N, C-alpha and C. Protein backbone atom coordinates (compact mmCIF):
# COMPACT_ATOMS: atom_id res chain seq x y z
N UNK A 1 165.12 27.33 -37.68
CA UNK A 1 166.26 26.45 -37.83
C UNK A 1 166.52 26.16 -39.30
N UNK A 2 165.47 25.98 -40.08
CA UNK A 2 165.68 25.69 -41.50
C UNK A 2 166.31 26.87 -42.23
N UNK A 3 165.98 28.09 -41.82
CA UNK A 3 166.60 29.27 -42.45
C UNK A 3 168.10 29.29 -42.20
N UNK A 4 168.50 28.91 -41.00
CA UNK A 4 169.92 28.87 -40.68
C UNK A 4 170.63 27.82 -41.54
N UNK A 5 170.07 26.63 -41.62
CA UNK A 5 170.66 25.58 -42.43
C UNK A 5 170.69 25.99 -43.90
N UNK A 6 169.60 26.57 -44.39
CA UNK A 6 169.55 27.02 -45.79
C UNK A 6 170.60 28.09 -46.09
N UNK A 7 170.91 28.92 -45.11
CA UNK A 7 171.89 29.99 -45.33
C UNK A 7 173.28 29.43 -45.63
N UNK A 8 173.56 28.21 -45.23
CA UNK A 8 174.85 27.59 -45.50
C UNK A 8 174.88 26.89 -46.85
N UNK A 9 173.77 26.90 -47.57
CA UNK A 9 173.69 26.44 -48.95
C UNK A 9 174.32 25.06 -49.18
N UNK A 10 173.95 24.10 -48.34
CA UNK A 10 174.41 22.73 -48.54
C UNK A 10 175.77 22.40 -47.95
N UNK A 11 176.46 23.36 -47.40
CA UNK A 11 177.80 23.10 -46.85
C UNK A 11 177.77 22.74 -45.37
N UNK A 12 176.59 22.52 -44.83
CA UNK A 12 176.42 22.21 -43.42
C UNK A 12 175.75 20.84 -43.31
N UNK A 13 176.30 19.99 -42.44
CA UNK A 13 175.73 18.67 -42.21
C UNK A 13 175.27 18.58 -40.76
N UNK A 14 174.02 18.25 -40.55
CA UNK A 14 173.48 18.08 -39.20
C UNK A 14 173.91 16.71 -38.69
N UNK A 15 174.62 16.68 -37.56
CA UNK A 15 175.08 15.41 -37.00
C UNK A 15 174.37 15.06 -35.69
N UNK A 16 173.71 16.04 -35.09
CA UNK A 16 172.98 15.78 -33.85
C UNK A 16 171.81 16.76 -33.79
N UNK A 17 170.67 16.27 -33.41
CA UNK A 17 169.49 17.12 -33.28
C UNK A 17 168.79 16.76 -31.99
N UNK A 18 168.62 17.74 -31.13
CA UNK A 18 167.97 17.53 -29.84
C UNK A 18 166.84 18.52 -29.70
N UNK A 19 165.67 18.03 -29.39
CA UNK A 19 164.50 18.89 -29.21
C UNK A 19 164.29 19.14 -27.73
N UNK A 20 164.39 20.39 -27.34
CA UNK A 20 164.21 20.76 -25.95
C UNK A 20 162.81 21.31 -25.71
N UNK A 21 162.54 21.58 -24.46
CA UNK A 21 161.26 22.15 -24.05
C UNK A 21 161.49 23.00 -22.81
N UNK A 22 160.52 23.76 -22.41
CA UNK A 22 160.61 24.57 -21.20
C UNK A 22 159.41 24.30 -20.31
N UNK A 23 159.66 24.28 -19.01
CA UNK A 23 158.58 24.26 -18.04
C UNK A 23 158.16 25.70 -17.80
N UNK A 24 156.90 25.93 -17.51
CA UNK A 24 156.39 27.29 -17.34
C UNK A 24 157.06 28.05 -16.20
N UNK A 25 157.53 27.35 -15.18
CA UNK A 25 158.14 28.02 -14.04
C UNK A 25 159.67 27.99 -14.09
N UNK A 26 160.24 27.76 -15.28
CA UNK A 26 161.69 27.76 -15.52
C UNK A 26 162.45 26.72 -14.71
N UNK A 27 161.80 25.62 -14.39
CA UNK A 27 162.49 24.55 -13.68
C UNK A 27 163.13 23.60 -14.69
N UNK A 28 164.18 22.93 -14.21
CA UNK A 28 164.84 21.93 -15.05
C UNK A 28 164.21 20.56 -14.78
N UNK A 29 164.76 19.54 -15.41
CA UNK A 29 164.21 18.19 -15.22
C UNK A 29 164.36 17.69 -13.78
N UNK A 30 165.31 18.26 -13.06
CA UNK A 30 165.56 17.83 -11.69
C UNK A 30 164.68 18.57 -10.69
N UNK A 31 163.86 19.51 -11.18
CA UNK A 31 162.90 20.19 -10.33
C UNK A 31 163.36 21.51 -9.75
N UNK A 32 164.53 21.99 -10.15
CA UNK A 32 165.06 23.25 -9.63
C UNK A 32 164.87 24.37 -10.65
N UNK A 33 164.68 25.60 -10.15
CA UNK A 33 164.58 26.77 -11.02
C UNK A 33 165.94 26.99 -11.64
N UNK A 34 165.95 27.27 -12.93
CA UNK A 34 167.20 27.42 -13.67
C UNK A 34 167.36 28.86 -14.15
N UNK A 35 168.60 29.32 -14.23
CA UNK A 35 168.87 30.65 -14.76
C UNK A 35 168.65 31.77 -13.77
N UNK A 36 168.76 31.47 -12.47
CA UNK A 36 168.44 32.46 -11.44
C UNK A 36 169.45 33.60 -11.36
N UNK A 37 170.66 33.38 -11.83
CA UNK A 37 171.71 34.40 -11.72
C UNK A 37 172.02 35.06 -13.06
N UNK A 38 171.15 34.90 -14.04
CA UNK A 38 171.40 35.49 -15.35
C UNK A 38 171.40 37.01 -15.30
N UNK A 39 172.40 37.64 -15.91
CA UNK A 39 172.35 39.09 -16.05
C UNK A 39 171.29 39.47 -17.07
N UNK A 40 170.77 40.69 -16.98
CA UNK A 40 169.81 41.13 -18.00
C UNK A 40 170.12 42.56 -18.42
N UNK A 41 169.47 42.99 -19.49
CA UNK A 41 169.65 44.35 -19.98
C UNK A 41 171.09 44.65 -20.36
N UNK A 42 171.57 45.83 -19.96
CA UNK A 42 172.93 46.26 -20.30
C UNK A 42 173.98 45.33 -19.71
N UNK A 43 173.70 44.77 -18.53
CA UNK A 43 174.64 43.85 -17.90
C UNK A 43 174.79 42.57 -18.73
N UNK A 44 173.70 42.10 -19.33
CA UNK A 44 173.77 40.92 -20.20
C UNK A 44 174.62 41.22 -21.43
N UNK A 45 174.45 42.41 -22.00
CA UNK A 45 175.26 42.78 -23.16
C UNK A 45 176.74 42.85 -22.80
N UNK A 46 177.05 43.47 -21.68
CA UNK A 46 178.46 43.59 -21.30
C UNK A 46 179.06 42.24 -20.92
N UNK A 47 178.24 41.33 -20.42
CA UNK A 47 178.72 40.00 -20.05
C UNK A 47 178.99 39.12 -21.27
N UNK A 48 178.35 39.42 -22.38
CA UNK A 48 178.47 38.56 -23.55
C UNK A 48 179.27 39.15 -24.69
N UNK A 49 179.40 40.45 -24.74
CA UNK A 49 180.04 41.09 -25.88
C UNK A 49 181.56 41.09 -25.74
N UNK A 50 182.23 40.68 -26.81
CA UNK A 50 183.69 40.67 -26.83
C UNK A 50 184.19 42.11 -26.92
N UNK A 51 185.13 42.43 -26.05
CA UNK A 51 185.67 43.79 -26.02
C UNK A 51 186.97 43.91 -26.79
N UNK A 52 187.74 44.91 -26.44
CA UNK A 52 188.99 45.20 -27.13
C UNK A 52 190.08 44.17 -26.88
N UNK A 53 189.88 43.27 -25.92
CA UNK A 53 190.90 42.26 -25.63
C UNK A 53 191.08 41.28 -26.78
N UNK A 54 190.12 41.19 -27.67
CA UNK A 54 190.20 40.31 -28.84
C UNK A 54 189.76 41.11 -30.06
N UNK A 55 190.64 41.97 -30.59
CA UNK A 55 190.24 42.95 -31.61
C UNK A 55 189.61 42.35 -32.87
N UNK A 56 190.00 41.14 -33.24
CA UNK A 56 189.42 40.54 -34.44
C UNK A 56 187.93 40.23 -34.27
N UNK A 57 187.49 40.12 -33.03
CA UNK A 57 186.11 39.72 -32.78
C UNK A 57 185.34 40.73 -31.92
N UNK A 58 185.88 41.93 -31.76
CA UNK A 58 185.22 42.97 -30.97
C UNK A 58 183.77 43.16 -31.42
N UNK A 59 182.87 43.16 -30.44
CA UNK A 59 181.45 43.33 -30.73
C UNK A 59 180.71 42.02 -30.95
N UNK A 60 181.45 40.92 -31.11
CA UNK A 60 180.83 39.61 -31.27
C UNK A 60 180.66 38.94 -29.91
N UNK A 61 180.45 37.63 -29.92
CA UNK A 61 180.37 36.89 -28.67
C UNK A 61 180.77 35.45 -28.91
N UNK A 62 181.10 34.76 -27.85
CA UNK A 62 181.41 33.34 -27.90
C UNK A 62 180.21 32.59 -27.34
N UNK A 63 179.98 31.39 -27.85
CA UNK A 63 178.90 30.56 -27.34
C UNK A 63 179.49 29.19 -26.99
N UNK A 64 179.13 28.71 -25.81
CA UNK A 64 179.56 27.39 -25.35
C UNK A 64 178.31 26.53 -25.21
N UNK A 65 178.32 25.36 -25.82
CA UNK A 65 177.15 24.47 -25.78
C UNK A 65 177.60 23.10 -25.30
N UNK A 66 176.85 22.54 -24.35
CA UNK A 66 177.10 21.19 -23.87
C UNK A 66 175.78 20.47 -23.66
N UNK A 67 175.80 19.19 -23.95
CA UNK A 67 174.62 18.34 -23.74
C UNK A 67 174.92 17.41 -22.56
N UNK A 68 174.16 17.58 -21.48
CA UNK A 68 174.32 16.76 -20.29
C UNK A 68 173.19 15.74 -20.25
N UNK A 69 173.53 14.46 -20.13
CA UNK A 69 172.53 13.41 -19.99
C UNK A 69 172.47 13.05 -18.51
N UNK A 70 171.26 13.08 -17.94
CA UNK A 70 171.07 12.84 -16.50
C UNK A 70 170.60 11.41 -16.24
N UNK A 71 171.08 10.85 -15.15
CA UNK A 71 170.58 9.57 -14.65
C UNK A 71 169.41 9.90 -13.72
N UNK A 72 168.23 10.02 -14.30
CA UNK A 72 167.07 10.48 -13.53
C UNK A 72 166.65 9.49 -12.45
N UNK A 73 166.85 8.20 -12.68
CA UNK A 73 166.50 7.21 -11.65
C UNK A 73 167.36 7.42 -10.40
N UNK A 74 168.65 7.64 -10.59
CA UNK A 74 169.54 7.88 -9.46
C UNK A 74 169.21 9.21 -8.77
N UNK A 75 168.93 10.24 -9.58
CA UNK A 75 168.58 11.55 -9.01
C UNK A 75 167.30 11.46 -8.19
N UNK A 76 166.30 10.81 -8.73
CA UNK A 76 165.01 10.71 -8.04
C UNK A 76 165.08 9.82 -6.80
N UNK A 77 166.12 9.00 -6.70
CA UNK A 77 166.30 8.16 -5.51
C UNK A 77 166.86 8.96 -4.33
N UNK A 78 167.42 10.15 -4.60
CA UNK A 78 167.94 11.01 -3.53
C UNK A 78 166.79 11.68 -2.79
N UNK A 79 167.02 11.99 -1.53
CA UNK A 79 166.03 12.77 -0.79
C UNK A 79 166.08 14.21 -1.29
N UNK A 80 165.05 14.98 -1.01
CA UNK A 80 165.04 16.39 -1.40
C UNK A 80 166.22 17.12 -0.76
N UNK A 81 166.53 16.79 0.49
CA UNK A 81 167.65 17.44 1.18
C UNK A 81 168.97 17.13 0.48
N UNK A 82 169.16 15.90 0.04
CA UNK A 82 170.39 15.54 -0.69
C UNK A 82 170.46 16.28 -2.02
N UNK A 83 169.33 16.39 -2.70
CA UNK A 83 169.29 17.12 -3.96
C UNK A 83 169.63 18.60 -3.74
N UNK A 84 169.08 19.17 -2.68
CA UNK A 84 169.34 20.59 -2.38
C UNK A 84 170.82 20.83 -2.08
N UNK A 85 171.46 19.90 -1.38
CA UNK A 85 172.89 20.04 -1.11
C UNK A 85 173.70 19.89 -2.40
N UNK A 86 173.27 19.02 -3.29
CA UNK A 86 173.98 18.84 -4.56
C UNK A 86 173.89 20.10 -5.42
N UNK A 87 172.73 20.74 -5.42
CA UNK A 87 172.52 21.94 -6.23
C UNK A 87 173.00 23.20 -5.50
N UNK A 88 172.74 23.30 -4.21
CA UNK A 88 173.12 24.49 -3.44
C UNK A 88 171.99 25.48 -3.30
N UNK A 89 170.77 25.06 -3.61
CA UNK A 89 169.57 25.91 -3.50
C UNK A 89 168.44 25.04 -2.97
N UNK A 90 167.43 25.70 -2.39
CA UNK A 90 166.24 24.94 -1.99
C UNK A 90 165.42 24.64 -3.23
N UNK A 91 164.78 23.50 -3.21
CA UNK A 91 164.06 23.04 -4.39
C UNK A 91 162.74 23.77 -4.59
N UNK A 92 161.96 23.91 -3.56
CA UNK A 92 160.63 24.51 -3.69
C UNK A 92 160.70 26.03 -3.78
N UNK A 93 161.44 26.65 -2.85
CA UNK A 93 161.46 28.12 -2.75
C UNK A 93 162.55 28.79 -3.58
N UNK A 94 163.50 28.02 -4.11
CA UNK A 94 164.59 28.55 -4.94
C UNK A 94 165.43 29.58 -4.18
N UNK A 95 165.85 29.23 -2.98
CA UNK A 95 166.69 30.11 -2.17
C UNK A 95 168.08 29.48 -2.07
N UNK A 96 169.11 30.27 -2.37
CA UNK A 96 170.48 29.76 -2.28
C UNK A 96 170.79 29.42 -0.82
N UNK A 97 171.42 28.25 -0.62
CA UNK A 97 171.80 27.83 0.73
C UNK A 97 172.89 28.75 1.26
N UNK A 98 172.88 28.98 2.57
CA UNK A 98 173.93 29.78 3.21
C UNK A 98 175.28 29.10 2.99
N UNK A 99 176.33 29.90 2.90
CA UNK A 99 177.66 29.37 2.64
C UNK A 99 178.11 28.36 3.68
N UNK A 100 177.66 28.49 4.93
CA UNK A 100 178.07 27.55 5.97
C UNK A 100 177.35 26.20 5.85
N UNK A 101 176.32 26.13 5.02
CA UNK A 101 175.56 24.89 4.80
C UNK A 101 175.81 24.34 3.40
N UNK A 102 176.00 25.22 2.45
CA UNK A 102 176.17 24.83 1.04
C UNK A 102 177.52 24.13 0.85
N UNK A 103 177.51 22.90 0.35
CA UNK A 103 178.78 22.20 0.12
C UNK A 103 179.64 22.92 -0.93
N UNK A 104 180.95 22.85 -0.75
CA UNK A 104 181.88 23.49 -1.69
C UNK A 104 181.81 22.84 -3.07
N UNK A 105 181.30 21.61 -3.14
CA UNK A 105 181.19 20.94 -4.44
C UNK A 105 179.77 20.97 -5.00
N UNK A 106 178.92 21.85 -4.47
CA UNK A 106 177.56 21.98 -5.00
C UNK A 106 177.60 22.67 -6.36
N UNK A 107 176.56 22.48 -7.12
CA UNK A 107 176.45 23.10 -8.45
C UNK A 107 176.62 24.61 -8.37
N UNK A 108 175.94 25.25 -7.43
CA UNK A 108 176.01 26.71 -7.29
C UNK A 108 177.43 27.15 -6.94
N UNK A 109 178.09 26.46 -6.02
CA UNK A 109 179.44 26.85 -5.61
C UNK A 109 180.44 26.67 -6.74
N UNK A 110 180.28 25.63 -7.53
CA UNK A 110 181.24 25.35 -8.60
C UNK A 110 181.02 26.20 -9.84
N UNK A 111 179.90 26.87 -9.93
CA UNK A 111 179.60 27.65 -11.13
C UNK A 111 179.83 29.15 -10.95
N UNK A 112 180.68 29.50 -10.03
CA UNK A 112 181.11 30.89 -9.87
C UNK A 112 182.47 31.01 -10.55
N UNK A 113 182.54 31.85 -11.56
CA UNK A 113 183.77 32.03 -12.32
C UNK A 113 184.31 33.42 -12.02
N UNK A 114 185.60 33.48 -11.73
CA UNK A 114 186.22 34.77 -11.39
C UNK A 114 187.38 35.08 -12.33
N UNK A 115 187.69 36.37 -12.42
CA UNK A 115 188.85 36.79 -13.21
C UNK A 115 190.11 36.67 -12.35
N UNK A 116 191.25 37.10 -12.89
CA UNK A 116 192.52 36.99 -12.17
C UNK A 116 192.55 37.78 -10.87
N UNK A 117 191.69 38.80 -10.76
CA UNK A 117 191.63 39.62 -9.56
C UNK A 117 190.58 39.15 -8.56
N UNK A 118 189.91 38.03 -8.85
CA UNK A 118 188.90 37.49 -7.95
C UNK A 118 187.51 38.06 -8.13
N UNK A 119 187.30 38.88 -9.16
CA UNK A 119 185.98 39.44 -9.42
C UNK A 119 185.11 38.42 -10.16
N UNK A 120 183.88 38.27 -9.70
CA UNK A 120 182.97 37.31 -10.33
C UNK A 120 182.60 37.78 -11.73
N UNK A 121 182.71 36.86 -12.68
CA UNK A 121 182.31 37.14 -14.06
C UNK A 121 180.88 36.69 -14.26
N UNK A 122 180.11 37.49 -14.96
CA UNK A 122 178.73 37.14 -15.26
C UNK A 122 178.68 36.32 -16.55
N UNK A 123 177.82 35.34 -16.58
CA UNK A 123 177.62 34.50 -17.76
C UNK A 123 176.14 34.46 -18.06
N UNK A 124 175.79 34.67 -19.30
CA UNK A 124 174.40 34.55 -19.73
C UNK A 124 174.17 33.10 -20.12
N UNK A 125 173.26 32.44 -19.42
CA UNK A 125 172.99 31.02 -19.64
C UNK A 125 171.55 30.85 -20.12
N UNK A 126 171.37 29.86 -20.95
CA UNK A 126 170.01 29.48 -21.34
C UNK A 126 170.02 27.97 -21.49
N UNK A 127 169.52 27.30 -20.48
CA UNK A 127 169.49 25.84 -20.50
C UNK A 127 168.14 25.35 -20.97
N UNK A 128 168.16 24.22 -21.63
CA UNK A 128 166.93 23.66 -22.17
C UNK A 128 166.84 22.19 -21.78
N UNK A 129 165.82 21.82 -21.00
CA UNK A 129 165.62 20.40 -20.72
C UNK A 129 165.26 19.67 -22.01
N UNK A 130 165.64 18.40 -22.08
CA UNK A 130 165.24 17.58 -23.23
C UNK A 130 164.97 16.17 -22.73
N UNK A 131 164.27 15.41 -23.50
CA UNK A 131 164.01 14.03 -23.13
C UNK A 131 163.36 13.26 -24.26
N UNK A 132 163.76 12.01 -24.36
CA UNK A 132 163.15 11.10 -25.32
C UNK A 132 162.76 9.84 -24.56
N UNK A 133 161.49 9.68 -24.31
CA UNK A 133 161.00 8.55 -23.52
C UNK A 133 161.40 7.23 -24.17
N UNK A 134 161.26 7.14 -25.49
CA UNK A 134 161.59 5.90 -26.20
C UNK A 134 163.05 5.50 -26.04
N UNK A 135 163.94 6.45 -25.94
CA UNK A 135 165.36 6.18 -25.77
C UNK A 135 165.76 6.12 -24.29
N UNK A 136 164.89 6.62 -23.42
CA UNK A 136 165.23 6.70 -22.01
C UNK A 136 166.35 7.70 -21.74
N UNK A 137 166.45 8.71 -22.61
CA UNK A 137 167.51 9.71 -22.48
C UNK A 137 166.90 11.05 -22.09
N UNK A 138 167.39 11.59 -20.98
CA UNK A 138 166.87 12.86 -20.46
C UNK A 138 168.05 13.69 -19.99
N UNK A 139 167.94 15.00 -20.12
CA UNK A 139 169.04 15.83 -19.65
C UNK A 139 168.81 17.30 -19.86
N UNK A 140 169.93 18.02 -19.89
CA UNK A 140 169.94 19.47 -20.03
C UNK A 140 170.87 19.84 -21.16
N UNK A 141 170.39 20.68 -22.04
CA UNK A 141 171.23 21.25 -23.09
C UNK A 141 171.65 22.62 -22.59
N UNK A 142 172.95 22.78 -22.31
CA UNK A 142 173.48 24.03 -21.75
C UNK A 142 173.97 24.92 -22.88
N UNK A 143 173.55 26.16 -22.87
CA UNK A 143 174.01 27.17 -23.82
C UNK A 143 174.43 28.38 -23.01
N UNK A 144 175.69 28.76 -23.09
CA UNK A 144 176.18 29.88 -22.31
C UNK A 144 177.07 30.80 -23.13
């Protein structure tokens, strides 16, 4: 990180700094496995690389970053079944719920992005849980 800041030679001001961490089994703070639909290899490259549709940036990529703060007390007050319906996957086994059971407003259902022809677009995601006990702030840093 310091090399990146140094490369801007004083013209960069840090306004927010969040330290994330990873669980060994790729679970998020809410206990669910994260990144299950990530493309890999050549598919990851094609999902992230800008093509001829934007000639000024061909070969580059766009990055979207969001910091989500979670109300962990409210989340932990839900039953596992309620949590699974909110996410759209089983918590322990990491199995996507069947469409006839999965709510249309679940996380999994809402995170399917399609093009104008209805084809699903792949997104490379890398989420990072974060938390500061002293501040009582916990959440997910989304990078896609």
